[in-house]
Amino acid sequence: MKASELMQGNIVLYEYEGQKTLARVVEIYRNSVLVEDISGEYEPIEIDEDKIFPVELIAEILEKKGWRKEFDRKPYMTFYHLEDEKYWLMWCISEHTLDVQRQNKTLLDKYNLCAERVVIACDYVHQLQQALRLCGIDKEIML
């Protein structure tokens, strides 16, 4: 995975001494990434980009953070809503896309419009994190 595909705070897997470990990106360099172990057990470590791997996005990750499945629009398209907030996403698993919207209550009530919307290719957790950030949704993903 290329370091240029990442943002600070993204969750990735890194390989060190033959083992893969979940980590959060702390800093991004030209061809490497400084990561900190999610468990906090180890000191941050700089890892070459060829030893960094994406974490596959699965429904359990969304649901663990409070996204509630509302319905399946089609067998491959699932609508999720974040409780008590005007955030929703449509996850098209087989099409590898994610449509994230942050709705403003005033705009929604008056015009049925959203405040921010991002539609991106999405198969991995770091891509979800980037889409949420672009929409101004400040929700941390925990694994």
C-alpha atoms as a PDB file:
ATOM      1  CA  MET A   1       0.000   0.000   0.000  1.00  0.00           C
ATOM      2  CA  LYS A   2       1.350   3.450  -0.845  1.00  0.00           C
ATOM      3  CA  ALA A   3       1.975   5.941   1.950  1.00  0.00           C
ATOM      4  CA  SER A   4       0.392   8.639  -0.240  1.00  0.00           C
ATOM      5  CA  GLU A   5      -2.993   6.851  -0.003  1.00  0.00           C
ATOM      6  CA  LEU A   6      -3.152   7.438   3.758  1.00  0.00           C
ATOM      7  CA  MET A   7      -4.071  10.231   6.160  1.00  0.00           C
ATOM      8  CA  GLN A   8      -3.102  10.691   9.795  1.00  0.00           C
ATOM      9  CA  GLY A   9      -5.376   8.658  12.027  1.00  0.00           C
ATOM     10  CA  ASN A  10      -6.121   5.986   9.414  1.00  0.00           C
ATOM     11  CA  ILE A  11      -6.282   2.419  10.690  1.00  0.00           C
ATOM     12  CA  VAL A  12      -4.057  -0.068   8.856  1.00  0.00           C
ATOM     13  CA  LEU A  13      -2.279  -3.361   9.336  1.00  0.00           C
ATOM     14  CA  TYR A  14       1.503  -3.396   9.444  1.00  0.00           C
ATOM     15  CA  GLU A  15       3.829  -6.351   9.178  1.00  0.00           C
ATOM     16  CA  TYR A  16       6.758  -6.586  11.545  1.00  0.00           C
ATOM     17  CA  GLU A  17       8.852  -9.699  12.075  1.00  0.00           C
ATOM     18  CA  GLY A  18       6.306 -11.817  10.208  1.00  0.00           C
ATOM     19  CA  GLN A  19       3.257 -10.689  12.249  1.00  0.00           C
ATOM     20  CA  LYS A  20       0.495  -8.314  11.170  1.00  0.00           C
ATOM     21  CA  THR A  21      -0.751  -5.839  13.765  1.00  0.00           C
ATOM     22  CA  LEU A  22      -3.515  -3.226  13.757  1.00  0.00           C
ATOM     23  CA  ALA A  23      -2.189   0.304  13.995  1.00  0.00           C
ATOM     24  CA  ARG A  24      -3.106   3.956  13.611  1.00  0.00           C
ATOM     25  CA  VAL A  25      -1.113   6.200  11.244  1.00  0.00           C
ATOM     26  CA  VAL A  26       0.728   8.919  13.162  1.00  0.00           C
ATOM     27  CA  GLU A  27       2.889  10.447  10.419  1.00  0.00           C
ATOM     28  CA  ILE A  28       3.315   9.910   6.699  1.00  0.00           C
ATOM     29  CA  TYR A  29       6.676  10.076   4.950  1.00  0.00           C
ATOM     30  CA  ARG A  30       7.682   9.669   1.319  1.00  0.00           C
ATOM     31  CA  ASN A  31       7.919   5.848   1.304  1.00  0.00           C
ATOM     32  CA  SER A  32       7.119   4.925   4.886  1.00  0.00           C
ATOM     33  CA  VAL A  33       4.615   5.531   7.664  1.00  0.00           C
ATOM     34  CA  LEU A  34       4.997   6.063  11.405  1.00  0.00           C
ATOM     35  CA  VAL A  35       2.346   3.935  13.115  1.00  0.00           C
ATOM     36  CA  GLU A  36       1.296   3.326  16.689  1.00  0.00           C
ATOM     37  CA  ASP A  37      -0.096   0.013  17.817  1.00  0.00           C
ATOM     38  CA  ILE A  38      -3.837   0.335  18.567  1.00  0.00           C
ATOM     39  CA  SER A  39      -3.440  -1.561  21.818  1.00  0.00           C
ATOM     40  CA  GLY A  40      -0.831   0.934  23.004  1.00  0.00           C
ATOM     41  CA  GLU A  41       1.450  -1.961  23.878  1.00  0.00           C
ATOM     42  CA  TYR A  42       4.359  -0.826  21.692  1.00  0.00           C
ATOM     43  CA  GLU A  43       6.148   2.425  20.922  1.00  0.00           C
ATOM     44  CA  PRO A  44       5.386   4.043  17.515  1.00  0.00           C
ATOM     45  CA  ILE A  45       7.455   2.504  14.727  1.00  0.00           C
ATOM     46  CA  GLU A  46       8.347   3.602  11.206  1.00  0.00           C
ATOM     47  CA  ILE A  47       7.305   0.993   8.630  1.00  0.00           C
ATOM     48  CA  ASP A  48       8.115   0.888   4.905  1.00  0.00           C
ATOM     49  CA  GLU A  49       5.024   1.229   2.717  1.00  0.00           C
ATOM     50  CA  ASP A  50       5.455  -2.307   1.352  1.00  0.00           C
ATOM     51  CA  LYS A  51       4.765  -3.593   4.896  1.00  0.00           C
ATOM     52  CA  ILE A  52       1.506  -1.585   5.288  1.00  0.00           C
ATOM     53  CA  PHE A  53      -1.802  -3.241   4.387  1.00  0.00           C
ATOM     54  CA  PRO A  54      -5.416  -2.029   4.332  1.00  0.00           C
ATOM     55  CA  VAL A  55      -8.078  -3.360   6.716  1.00  0.00           C
ATOM     56  CA  GLU A  56     -11.082  -4.744   4.856  1.00  0.00           C
ATOM     57  CA  LEU A  57     -14.317  -2.918   5.614  1.00  0.00           C
ATOM     58  CA  ILE A  58     -17.032  -5.221   6.962  1.00  0.00           C
ATOM     59  CA  ALA A  59     -20.484  -4.527   8.385  1.00  0.00           C
ATOM     60  CA  GLU A  60     -19.429  -5.358  11.950  1.00  0.00           C
ATOM     61  CA  ILE A  61     -16.974  -2.441  11.920  1.00  0.00           C
ATOM     62  CA  LEU A  62     -19.748   0.013  11.039  1.00  0.00           C
ATOM     63  CA  GLU A  63     -22.176  -1.447  13.547  1.00  0.00           C
ATOM     64  CA  LYS A  64     -19.580  -1.459  16.340  1.00  0.00           C
ATOM     65  CA  LYS A  65     -19.302   2.319  16.038  1.00  0.00           C
ATOM     66  CA  GLY A  66     -23.051   2.955  16.174  1.00  0.00           C
ATOM     67  CA  TRP A  67     -24.073   2.842  12.525  1.00  0.00           C
ATOM     68  CA  ARG A  68     -27.427   1.061  12.453  1.00  0.00           C
ATOM     69  CA  LYS A  69     -28.523  -0.929   9.419  1.00  0.00           C
ATOM     70  CA  GLU A  70     -31.840   0.456   8.235  1.00  0.00           C
ATOM     71  CA  PHE A  71     -32.575  -1.608   5.137  1.00  0.00           C
ATOM     72  CA  ASP A  72     -31.137  -3.244   2.053  1.00  0.00           C
ATOM     73  CA  ARG A  73     -32.067  -1.234  -0.999  1.00  0.00           C
ATOM     74  CA  LYS A  74     -30.911  -4.108  -3.201  1.00  0.00           C
ATOM     75  CA  PRO A  75     -29.175  -7.341  -2.165  1.00  0.00           C
ATOM     76  CA  TYR A  76     -25.811  -5.596  -2.494  1.00  0.00           C
ATOM     77  CA  MET A  77     -26.739  -2.079  -1.296  1.00  0.00           C
ATOM     78  CA  THR A  78     -27.190  -1.394   2.420  1.00  0.00           C
ATOM     79  CA  PHE A  79     -28.401   1.824   4.045  1.00  0.00           C
ATOM     80  CA  TYR A  80     -26.923   2.755   7.440  1.00  0.00           C
ATOM     81  CA  HIS A  81     -27.941   5.566   9.780  1.00  0.00           C
ATOM     82  CA  LEU A  82     -26.080   6.959  12.776  1.00  0.00           C
ATOM     83  CA  GLU A  83     -28.478   7.175  15.718  1.00  0.00           C
ATOM     84  CA  ASP A  84     -29.548  10.628  16.952  1.00  0.00           C
ATOM     85  CA  GLU A  85     -27.603  12.361  14.201  1.00  0.00           C
ATOM     86  CA  LYS A  86     -28.235  13.373  10.613  1.00  0.00           C
ATOM     87  CA  TYR A  87     -25.571  11.133   9.098  1.00  0.00           C
ATOM     88  CA  TRP A  88     -26.222   8.285   6.739  1.00  0.00           C
ATOM     89  CA  LEU A  89     -24.346   6.150   4.298  1.00  0.00           C
ATOM     90  CA  MET A  90     -25.251   3.840   1.461  1.00  0.00           C
ATOM     91  CA  TRP A  91     -22.703   1.037   1.161  1.00  0.00           C
ATOM     92  CA  CYS A  92     -22.689  -0.779  -2.189  1.00  0.00           C
ATOM     93  CA  ILE A  93     -20.527  -3.763  -1.397  1.00  0.00           C
ATOM     94  CA  SER A  94     -20.484  -5.429  -4.825  1.00  0.00           C
ATOM     95  CA  GLU A  95     -19.949  -2.088  -6.587  1.00  0.00           C
ATOM     96  CA  HIS A  96     -17.199  -1.166  -4.093  1.00  0.00           C
ATOM     97  CA  THR A  97     -18.631   2.300  -3.426  1.00  0.00           C
ATOM     98  CA  LEU A  98     -19.706   4.294  -0.424  1.00  0.00           C
ATOM     99  CA  ASP A  99     -22.091   7.265  -0.449  1.00  0.00           C
ATOM    100  CA  VAL A 100     -21.802   9.272   2.797  1.00  0.00           C
ATOM    101  CA  GLN A 101     -24.007  12.253   3.659  1.00  0.00           C
ATOM    102  CA  ARG A 102     -24.089  14.667   6.547  1.00  0.00           C
ATOM    103  CA  GLN A 103     -27.400  16.447   6.644  1.00  0.00           C
ATOM    104  CA  ASN A 104     -28.092  19.826   8.139  1.00  0.00           C
ATOM    105  CA  LYS A 105     -31.441  19.837  10.007  1.00  0.00           C
ATOM    106  CA  THR A 106     -32.460  23.229   8.592  1.00  0.00           C
ATOM    107  CA  LEU A 107     -31.598  22.283   5.021  1.00  0.00           C
ATOM    108  CA  LEU A 108     -33.184  18.866   5.422  1.00  0.00           C
ATOM    109  CA  ASP A 109     -36.461  20.269   6.783  1.00  0.00           C
ATOM    110  CA  LYS A 110     -36.718  23.084   4.233  1.00  0.00           C
ATOM    111  CA  TYR A 111     -35.268  21.657   1.061  1.00  0.00           C
ATOM    112  CA  ASN A 112     -34.477  17.983   1.694  1.00  0.00           C
ATOM    113  CA  LEU A 113     -30.808  18.761   0.980  1.00  0.00           C
ATOM    114  CA  CYS A 114     -27.607  17.547   2.567  1.00  0.00           C
ATOM    115  CA  ALA A 115     -24.811  19.746   3.880  1.00  0.00           C
ATOM    116  CA  GLU A 116     -21.958  17.501   2.707  1.00  0.00           C
ATOM    117  CA  ARG A 117     -21.826  14.459   0.496  1.00  0.00           C
ATOM    118  CA  VAL A 118     -18.952  12.219  -0.591  1.00  0.00           C
ATOM    119  CA  VAL A 119     -19.188   9.264  -2.975  1.00  0.00           C
ATOM    120  CA  ILE A 120     -15.969   7.253  -3.195  1.00  0.00           C
ATOM    121  CA  ALA A 121     -14.590   3.855  -4.059  1.00  0.00           C
ATOM    122  CA  CYS A 122     -14.491   2.026  -0.755  1.00  0.00           C
ATOM    123  CA  ASP A 123     -13.349  -1.437   0.243  1.00  0.00           C
ATOM    124  CA  TYR A 124     -11.203  -0.588   3.257  1.00  0.00           C
ATOM    125  CA  VAL A 125     -11.463   1.083   6.652  1.00  0.00           C
ATOM    126  CA  HIS A 126      -9.025   3.883   5.783  1.00  0.00           C
ATOM    127  CA  GLN A 127     -11.218   4.860   2.807  1.00  0.00           C
ATOM    128  CA  LEU A 128     -14.282   5.011   5.081  1.00  0.00           C
ATOM    129  CA  GLN A 129     -12.345   7.192   7.529  1.00  0.00           C
ATOM    130  CA  GLN A 130     -11.358   9.577   4.746  1.00  0.00           C
ATOM    131  CA  ALA A 131     -14.946   9.850   3.463  1.00  0.00           C
ATOM    132  CA  LEU A 132     -16.261  10.586   6.954  1.00  0.00           C
ATOM    133  CA  ARG A 133     -13.604  13.286   7.419  1.00  0.00           C
ATOM    134  CA  LEU A 134     -14.434  14.887   4.080  1.00  0.00           C
ATOM    135  CA  CYS A 135     -18.082  15.092   5.160  1.00  0.00           C
ATOM    136  CA  GLY A 136     -17.166  16.671   8.467  1.00  0.00           C
ATOM    137  CA  ILE A 137     -18.286  13.620  10.439  1.00  0.00           C
ATOM    138  CA  ASP A 138     -16.078  13.370  13.508  1.00  0.00           C
ATOM    139  CA  LYS A 139     -16.544   9.697  14.391  1.00  0.00           C
ATOM    140  CA  GLU A 140     -13.583   7.533  15.296  1.00  0.00           C
ATOM    141  CA  ILE A 141     -13.498   3.992  13.951  1.00  0.00           C
ATOM    142  CA  MET A 142     -12.565   1.365  16.532  1.00  0.00           C
ATOM    143  CA  LEU A 143     -11.661  -2.242  15.757  1.00  0.00           C
END
